Amino acid sequence: MPNNASVPAQMWAVKCHGPRDYRLERTAVPVPGPGEALVHIEACGVCASDVKCFVGAPLFWGDATRPAYVEPPVTPGHEFVGWVAALGEVAGDRWGISEGDRVISEQIVPCHECRHCRRGDYHLCRENLVYGFRQAVQGAMAEYMVFPANALVHSVPESLSVDEAALIEPLACSMHAVERSGMALGDIVVIAGAGTLGLGMAAAARLRNPARLIVLDRFDHRLSVARGLGADVVINVGTTDPWSVIGPMTDGYGCDVYIEATGHPDAVNSGLRWLRKGGTFVEFSVMARETSTDWTIIGDAKELNIHGAHLGPGCYQKVIHYLAAGLLATTGIVTHRLPLGDFAQAFELVHDGRSSIKVLLLP
């Protein structure tokens, strides 16, 4: 645990000013207001959505191709863990934390007032204030950040390694996708994509013991990690037609569950083809562009169950428990740990993907 007795006046922070315009800047350490917490960042992961923003995917304010959610200038970063450096009035009592505690905040700061929040679907909050995309909720690619009064905060055991603690956010997302699938004993499950989220899905799916857990990707090093996390079968889509394996394994019927975690439009149509009639498709990706499909497959041909999955509602405490108990595997997911000043290299590593999976920035 770092010594937070003296908080400096200035800090280093990464600032997004637009696509490919990210700068390491010297800025004032924020002061927590009533109900807020100042957190000294221990580690921050680089998410695929961060990289899509960095390289210029259509996610910025003013782009009419889709509802945008990046509002520069903003400090990115929503996968993080840190230590409480200072608490505003009543914040400690509200969250049950003290200065020096190790903490995490869920990636969305809900308004607690919109229709979705009032129904308990806080992850679908109308305001959609996810750390690192809007100026109102600055992210964690900095030495310090503030948890706003509306944040959802959880304590993190000191027994967890830095790698494990920094993976809580993506693992919560992965667990939510698995829960949305409703997979059960006896199911044949296909997870497309062995990035951080897909690998987390494989680890979470293993807890449900499907009959066969199949992971697809185009990088062998990722597939090797997937096998270590519990995948029964791994398929490199660049060298093997997945249906040549899935077809015979299912007597030609198709898999029971397909989870799309690649962000590539082609993986959507493939999953629809490979699912059995009455099967379940779960989509959890930030797509770089739109895709189209034959909706007859979804309705008249197969009567598929189609589910979206967004963020990790209700899963943070579960992930923390499973990690602390040694029941949720993470070995091999974190591949690189870089200082904050090497943020551009971190983005490029994730964008390239040939040698990396999860890249952490260590302020």
Protein backbone atom coordinates (compact mmCIF):
# COMPACT_ATOMS: atom_id res chain seq x y z
CA MET A 1 0.00 0.00 0.00
CA PRO A 2 1.48 3.38 -1.00
CA ASN A 3 1.88 6.21 1.44
CA ASN A 4 -0.96 8.61 0.72
CA ALA A 5 -0.18 10.91 3.66
CA SER A 6 0.88 13.67 1.30
CA VAL A 7 -0.97 14.21 -1.97
CA PRO A 8 1.01 16.28 -4.50
CA ALA A 9 -0.44 19.34 -6.17
CA GLN A 10 0.47 18.19 -9.70
CA MET A 11 0.30 14.87 -11.53
CA TRP A 12 0.87 13.31 -14.92
CA ALA A 13 -2.20 12.35 -16.96
CA VAL A 14 -2.89 11.16 -20.50
CA LYS A 15 -5.31 13.45 -22.31
CA CYS A 16 -7.31 12.52 -25.40
CA HIS A 17 -7.83 15.55 -27.67
CA GLY A 18 -9.00 13.52 -30.67
CA PRO A 19 -7.98 10.50 -32.78
CA ARG A 20 -4.21 9.95 -32.59
CA ASP A 21 -3.97 13.18 -30.58
CA TYR A 22 -3.20 11.86 -27.10
CA ARG A 23 -0.75 13.75 -24.89
CA LEU A 24 0.97 13.17 -21.56
CA GLU A 25 0.25 16.37 -19.66
CA ARG A 26 1.13 17.88 -16.34
CA THR A 27 -2.08 18.87 -14.58
CA ALA A 28 -3.48 19.61 -11.14
CA VAL A 29 -4.41 16.71 -8.90
CA PRO A 30 -8.21 16.87 -8.55
CA VAL A 31 -9.69 17.68 -5.14
CA PRO A 32 -12.54 15.41 -3.99
CA GLY A 33 -15.78 17.19 -3.17
CA PRO A 34 -18.51 16.05 -0.77
CA GLY A 35 -19.23 12.35 -1.24
CA GLU A 36 -16.23 11.85 -3.54
CA ALA A 37 -12.94 9.98 -3.25
CA LEU A 38 -9.48 10.77 -4.58
CA VAL A 39 -7.76 7.56 -5.65
CA HIS A 40 -4.07 6.97 -6.30
CA ILE A 41 -4.03 4.73 -9.38
CA GLU A 42 -2.10 1.47 -9.06
CA ALA A 43 -2.74 0.17 -12.59
CA CYS A 44 -4.97 0.89 -15.57
CA GLY A 45 -5.65 -1.51 -18.41
CA VAL A 46 -5.91 -0.52 -22.06
CA CYS A 47 -9.26 -1.69 -23.45
CA ALA A 48 -10.06 -2.44 -27.09
CA SER A 49 -12.58 0.41 -26.97
CA ASP A 50 -9.76 2.76 -25.87
CA VAL A 51 -7.77 1.67 -28.90
CA LYS A 52 -10.70 2.13 -31.27
CA CYS A 53 -10.93 5.71 -30.02
CA PHE A 54 -7.18 6.19 -30.34
CA VAL A 55 -7.00 5.06 -33.98
CA GLY A 56 -10.06 7.08 -34.98
CA ALA A 57 -13.08 4.79 -35.02
CA PRO A 58 -16.35 6.78 -35.30
CA LEU A 59 -16.86 7.20 -31.58
CA PHE A 60 -16.24 10.90 -31.07
CA TRP A 61 -18.71 13.68 -30.42
CA GLY A 62 -19.93 15.30 -33.61
CA ASP A 63 -19.75 12.12 -35.73
CA ALA A 64 -23.27 11.41 -37.00
CA THR A 65 -22.67 7.76 -37.93
CA ARG A 66 -23.68 6.58 -34.45
CA PRO A 67 -24.40 8.03 -31.00
CA ALA A 68 -20.92 9.15 -29.97
CA TYR A 69 -19.58 8.74 -26.47
CA VAL A 70 -16.11 10.26 -26.50
CA GLU A 71 -15.98 13.90 -25.44
CA PRO A 72 -12.46 15.30 -25.67
CA PRO A 73 -10.45 16.55 -23.94
CA VAL A 74 -10.68 13.67 -21.50
CA THR A 75 -8.37 11.30 -19.64
CA PRO A 76 -9.14 7.76 -20.86
CA GLY A 77 -9.13 4.58 -18.79
CA HIS A 78 -11.94 2.55 -17.22
CA GLU A 79 -10.10 -0.63 -16.18
CA PHE A 80 -8.28 0.25 -13.00
CA VAL A 81 -7.50 -0.35 -9.36
CA GLY A 82 -6.12 2.10 -6.83
CA TRP A 83 -5.73 3.23 -3.25
CA VAL A 84 -7.87 5.81 -1.48
CA ALA A 85 -5.77 8.97 -1.05
CA ALA A 86 -8.44 11.32 0.32
CA LEU A 87 -12.15 11.25 1.07
CA GLY A 88 -14.74 13.97 0.76
CA GLU A 89 -17.39 14.44 3.42
CA VAL A 90 -19.56 11.31 4.01
CA ALA A 91 -17.84 9.33 1.21
CA GLY A 92 -16.16 6.91 3.60
CA ASP A 93 -19.39 6.08 5.39
CA ARG A 94 -21.36 5.74 2.18
CA TRP A 95 -18.97 3.28 0.59
CA GLY A 96 -17.56 1.70 3.74
CA ILE A 97 -13.98 2.66 2.88
CA SER A 98 -11.13 4.55 4.52
CA GLU A 99 -7.98 6.32 3.36
CA GLY A 100 -5.39 3.73 2.40
CA ASP A 101 -7.97 1.14 1.28
CA ARG A 102 -7.56 -0.62 -2.05
CA VAL A 103 -10.62 0.04 -4.20
CA ILE A 104 -12.23 -0.19 -7.59
CA SER A 105 -15.19 1.66 -9.07
CA GLU A 106 -17.53 0.11 -11.61
CA GLN A 107 -16.85 1.57 -15.03
CA ILE A 108 -20.17 3.42 -15.25
CA VAL A 109 -21.25 6.17 -12.88
CA PRO A 110 -25.05 5.91 -12.94
CA CYS A 111 -27.35 8.86 -12.37
CA HIS A 112 -29.62 6.76 -10.09
CA GLU A 113 -32.57 8.81 -11.35
CA CYS A 114 -33.43 7.78 -14.93
CA ARG A 115 -35.97 5.06 -15.75
CA HIS A 116 -33.25 2.46 -16.28
CA CYS A 117 -31.54 3.19 -12.97
CA ARG A 118 -34.84 3.13 -11.09
CA ARG A 119 -35.58 -0.31 -12.56
CA GLY A 120 -32.23 -1.60 -11.37
CA ASP A 121 -30.60 -1.56 -14.81
CA TYR A 122 -28.00 0.99 -13.78
CA HIS A 123 -25.59 -0.24 -16.44
CA LEU A 124 -28.05 1.06 -19.04
CA CYS A 125 -28.20 4.50 -17.42
CA ARG A 126 -29.44 7.14 -19.82
CA GLU A 127 -26.46 9.38 -19.06
CA ASN A 128 -23.96 6.60 -19.93
CA LEU A 129 -21.17 8.18 -17.90
CA VAL A 130 -18.38 5.64 -18.37
CA TYR A 131 -14.99 6.70 -17.02
CA GLY A 132 -12.64 8.05 -19.64
CA PHE A 133 -15.13 8.93 -22.35
CA ARG A 134 -16.89 12.02 -20.97
CA GLN A 135 -15.42 15.11 -19.35
CA ALA A 136 -17.68 14.65 -16.32
CA VAL A 137 -15.95 11.35 -15.41
CA GLN A 138 -12.22 11.53 -16.11
CA GLY A 139 -10.50 8.17 -16.43
CA ALA A 140 -7.58 6.39 -14.82
CA MET A 141 -4.67 6.87 -17.22
CA ALA A 142 -3.28 9.27 -14.66
CA GLU A 143 -1.59 9.22 -11.28
CA TYR A 144 -4.83 10.17 -9.52
CA MET A 145 -8.55 10.18 -10.32
CA VAL A 146 -11.78 11.07 -8.54
CA PHE A 147 -14.64 8.69 -7.88
CA PRO A 148 -17.80 10.85 -8.09
CA ALA A 149 -20.49 10.69 -5.41
CA ASN A 150 -22.72 8.50 -7.61
CA ALA A 151 -19.97 5.93 -8.25
CA LEU A 152 -20.33 2.25 -7.38
CA VAL A 153 -17.28 1.38 -5.29
CA HIS A 154 -15.96 -1.98 -4.09
CA SER A 155 -13.09 -2.90 -1.80
CA VAL A 156 -10.34 -5.01 -3.34
CA PRO A 157 -8.39 -7.52 -1.21
CA GLU A 158 -4.70 -6.77 -0.89
CA SER A 159 -4.10 -10.48 -1.50
CA LEU A 160 -4.89 -10.03 -5.19
CA SER A 161 -1.94 -9.35 -7.45
CA VAL A 162 -1.82 -6.12 -9.44
CA ASP A 163 -2.62 -8.10 -12.59
CA GLU A 164 -5.67 -9.76 -11.01
CA ALA A 165 -6.97 -6.54 -9.50
CA ALA A 166 -6.62 -4.63 -12.78
CA LEU A 167 -8.61 -7.37 -14.55
CA ILE A 168 -11.69 -7.06 -12.31
CA GLU A 169 -13.48 -4.71 -14.73
CA PRO A 170 -13.05 -6.78 -17.92
CA LEU A 171 -13.75 -9.99 -16.00
CA ALA A 172 -17.02 -8.50 -14.74
CA CYS A 173 -17.96 -7.72 -18.35
CA SER A 174 -17.05 -11.27 -19.37
CA MET A 175 -19.05 -12.80 -16.55
CA HIS A 176 -22.11 -10.73 -17.46
CA ALA A 177 -21.94 -11.98 -21.06
CA VAL A 178 -21.77 -15.57 -19.82
CA GLU A 179 -24.74 -14.97 -17.54
CA ARG A 180 -26.69 -13.47 -20.45
CA SER A 181 -26.09 -16.65 -22.46
CA GLY A 182 -27.82 -18.87 -19.93
CA MET A 183 -25.36 -21.66 -20.77
CA ALA A 184 -25.87 -24.87 -18.86
CA LEU A 185 -24.42 -28.31 -18.28
CA GLY A 186 -24.32 -30.25 -21.53
CA ASP A 187 -24.10 -27.20 -23.78
CA ILE A 188 -21.58 -26.82 -26.56
CA VAL A 189 -20.33 -23.25 -26.32
CA VAL A 190 -18.35 -21.25 -28.88
CA ILE A 191 -16.59 -18.03 -27.91
CA ALA A 192 -15.35 -16.00 -30.88
CA GLY A 193 -12.34 -13.92 -29.93
CA ALA A 194 -9.56 -14.58 -27.44
CA GLY A 195 -8.74 -11.06 -26.44
CA THR A 196 -9.08 -10.03 -22.82
CA LEU A 197 -12.88 -10.21 -22.86
CA GLY A 198 -13.07 -13.48 -24.76
CA LEU A 199 -10.51 -15.07 -22.47
CA GLY A 200 -12.44 -13.82 -19.44
CA MET A 201 -15.56 -15.36 -20.94
CA ALA A 202 -13.75 -18.65 -21.34
CA ALA A 203 -12.68 -18.58 -17.68
CA ALA A 204 -16.19 -17.66 -16.53
CA ALA A 205 -17.81 -20.24 -18.83
CA ARG A 206 -15.54 -22.92 -17.38
CA LEU A 207 -17.21 -22.31 -14.01
CA ARG A 208 -20.49 -23.47 -15.58
CA ASN A 209 -18.93 -26.67 -16.98
CA PRO A 210 -20.40 -26.81 -20.49
CA ALA A 211 -19.92 -30.12 -22.31
CA ARG A 212 -17.50 -28.50 -24.76
CA LEU A 213 -15.96 -25.05 -24.60
CA ILE A 214 -14.57 -23.91 -27.96
CA VAL A 215 -12.57 -20.69 -28.43
CA LEU A 216 -11.82 -19.12 -31.80
CA ASP A 217 -9.12 -16.60 -32.68
CA ARG A 218 -6.50 -15.86 -35.33
CA PHE A 219 -3.51 -15.71 -32.96
CA ASP A 220 -2.05 -18.95 -31.61
CA HIS A 221 -0.58 -17.31 -28.50
CA ARG A 222 -4.06 -16.21 -27.44
CA LEU A 223 -5.49 -19.64 -28.13
CA SER A 224 -2.78 -21.16 -25.95
CA VAL A 225 -3.89 -18.93 -23.07
CA ALA A 226 -7.52 -19.90 -23.73
CA ARG A 227 -6.66 -23.56 -23.37
CA GLY A 228 -4.93 -22.82 -20.08
CA LEU A 229 -8.08 -21.05 -18.86
CA GLY A 230 -10.27 -24.06 -19.54
CA ALA A 231 -11.10 -24.23 -23.24
CA ASP A 232 -11.55 -27.81 -24.47
CA VAL A 233 -10.98 -26.96 -28.13
CA VAL A 234 -9.18 -23.99 -29.69
CA ILE A 235 -9.39 -23.14 -33.39
CA ASN A 236 -7.25 -20.74 -35.39
CA VAL A 237 -9.75 -19.32 -37.87
CA GLY A 238 -6.92 -18.36 -40.20
CA THR A 239 -5.96 -21.98 -40.80
CA THR A 240 -9.05 -24.06 -39.95
CA ASP A 241 -12.70 -23.75 -40.91
CA PRO A 242 -14.47 -23.77 -37.52
CA TRP A 243 -17.49 -25.58 -38.94
CA SER A 244 -15.25 -28.52 -39.85
CA VAL A 245 -14.90 -29.01 -36.08
CA ILE A 246 -18.23 -27.69 -34.76
CA GLY A 247 -20.32 -29.59 -37.34
CA PRO A 248 -19.11 -33.13 -36.57
CA MET A 249 -19.00 -32.39 -32.84
CA THR A 250 -22.71 -31.48 -32.87
CA ASP A 251 -23.90 -34.07 -35.43
CA GLY A 252 -24.47 -31.19 -37.79
CA TYR A 253 -26.95 -29.38 -35.54
CA GLY A 254 -24.69 -26.54 -34.43
CA CYS A 255 -23.56 -25.16 -31.09
CA ASP A 256 -25.94 -24.24 -28.28
CA VAL A 257 -24.33 -20.91 -27.38
CA TYR A 258 -22.24 -18.50 -29.42
CA ILE A 259 -20.66 -15.41 -27.84
CA GLU A 260 -19.20 -12.80 -30.18
CA ALA A 261 -16.19 -10.99 -28.70
CA THR A 262 -14.09 -10.08 -31.74
CA GLY A 263 -15.63 -6.78 -32.80
CA HIS A 264 -15.42 -8.01 -36.41
CA PRO A 265 -18.68 -7.98 -38.43
CA ASP A 266 -17.85 -11.29 -40.14
CA ALA A 267 -17.98 -13.05 -36.78
CA VAL A 268 -21.65 -12.10 -36.46
CA ASN A 269 -22.77 -13.92 -39.59
CA SER A 270 -20.54 -16.89 -38.82
CA GLY A 271 -22.12 -17.29 -35.41
CA LEU A 272 -25.62 -17.21 -36.84
CA ARG A 273 -24.68 -20.01 -39.26
CA TRP A 274 -22.99 -22.17 -36.64
CA LEU A 275 -25.76 -22.01 -34.02
CA ARG A 276 -28.35 -24.77 -33.76
CA LYS A 277 -32.04 -24.02 -34.05
CA GLY A 278 -33.22 -22.38 -30.84
CA GLY A 279 -29.62 -21.55 -29.88
CA THR A 280 -28.43 -18.40 -28.14
CA PHE A 281 -26.29 -15.62 -29.61
CA VAL A 282 -24.66 -13.06 -27.28
CA GLU A 283 -23.08 -9.91 -28.69
CA PHE A 284 -20.42 -8.11 -26.62
CA SER A 285 -18.28 -5.99 -28.87
CA VAL A 286 -17.71 -2.39 -29.84
CA MET A 287 -18.00 -2.76 -33.61
CA ALA A 288 -15.83 -0.56 -35.78
CA ARG A 289 -18.56 -0.49 -38.43
CA GLU A 290 -22.07 -1.67 -39.11
CA THR A 291 -22.84 -5.15 -40.37
CA SER A 292 -25.82 -6.70 -42.13
CA THR A 293 -27.27 -10.17 -42.00
CA ASP A 294 -30.13 -12.30 -43.23
CA TRP A 295 -32.67 -11.88 -40.45
CA THR A 296 -34.57 -14.90 -41.74
CA ILE A 297 -31.91 -17.01 -40.02
CA ILE A 298 -32.77 -15.41 -36.69
CA GLY A 299 -36.52 -15.78 -37.09
CA ASP A 300 -38.09 -18.23 -39.52
CA ALA A 301 -35.09 -20.49 -40.05
CA LYS A 302 -33.80 -20.99 -36.49
CA GLU A 303 -35.82 -18.97 -33.95
CA LEU A 304 -32.63 -17.88 -32.24
CA ASN A 305 -32.31 -16.12 -28.91
CA ILE A 306 -30.35 -12.90 -29.47
CA HIS A 307 -28.92 -11.06 -26.48
CA GLY A 308 -26.75 -8.01 -26.13
CA ALA A 309 -24.36 -7.69 -23.22
CA HIS A 310 -23.15 -4.37 -21.86
CA LEU A 311 -20.67 -3.74 -19.04
CA GLY A 312 -20.60 -5.91 -15.91
CA PRO A 313 -23.67 -5.21 -13.74
CA GLY A 314 -23.91 -7.24 -10.57
CA CYS A 315 -20.67 -9.08 -11.34
CA TYR A 316 -17.94 -7.10 -9.58
CA GLN A 317 -18.39 -8.71 -6.17
CA LYS A 318 -18.64 -12.15 -7.79
CA VAL A 319 -15.42 -11.63 -9.71
CA ILE A 320 -13.61 -10.35 -6.61
CA HIS A 321 -14.84 -13.37 -4.63
CA TYR A 322 -13.82 -15.90 -7.30
CA LEU A 323 -10.41 -14.27 -7.73
CA ALA A 324 -9.76 -14.19 -3.99
CA ALA A 325 -10.81 -17.83 -3.71
CA GLY A 326 -8.52 -18.86 -6.57
CA LEU A 327 -11.45 -20.13 -8.64
CA LEU A 328 -11.28 -17.76 -11.61
CA ALA A 329 -8.25 -18.30 -13.81
CA THR A 330 -6.36 -15.34 -15.27
CA THR A 331 -2.91 -16.75 -16.06
CA GLY A 332 -1.49 -15.35 -19.29
CA ILE A 333 -4.06 -12.60 -19.90
CA VAL A 334 -1.77 -9.74 -18.85
CA THR A 335 1.15 -9.68 -21.25
CA HIS A 336 2.67 -6.20 -20.87
CA ARG A 337 3.15 -3.67 -18.06
CA LEU A 338 4.34 -0.22 -19.12
CA PRO A 339 4.87 3.15 -17.42
CA LEU A 340 2.25 5.81 -18.05
CA GLY A 341 4.57 7.73 -20.36
CA ASP A 342 4.59 4.79 -22.78
CA PHE A 343 0.85 5.03 -23.40
CA ALA A 344 1.26 5.32 -27.19
CA GLN A 345 3.23 2.09 -27.27
CA ALA A 346 0.54 0.47 -25.13
CA PHE A 347 -2.20 1.48 -27.58
CA GLU A 348 -0.19 0.22 -30.54
CA LEU A 349 0.51 -3.11 -28.83
CA VAL A 350 -3.19 -3.69 -28.25
CA HIS A 351 -4.12 -2.50 -31.73
CA ASP A 352 -1.61 -4.83 -33.36
CA GLY A 353 -2.46 -7.81 -31.16
CA ARG A 354 0.24 -10.11 -32.49
CA SER A 355 2.18 -10.20 -29.24
CA SER A 356 -0.16 -8.68 -26.67
CA ILE A 357 -3.41 -9.41 -24.89
CA LYS A 358 -3.93 -7.15 -21.89
CA VAL A 359 -1.55 -4.24 -21.57
CA LEU A 360 -1.39 -2.38 -18.24
CA LEU A 361 -0.21 1.15 -17.63
CA LEU A 362 1.43 1.62 -14.22
CA PRO A 363 1.33 5.28 -13.14
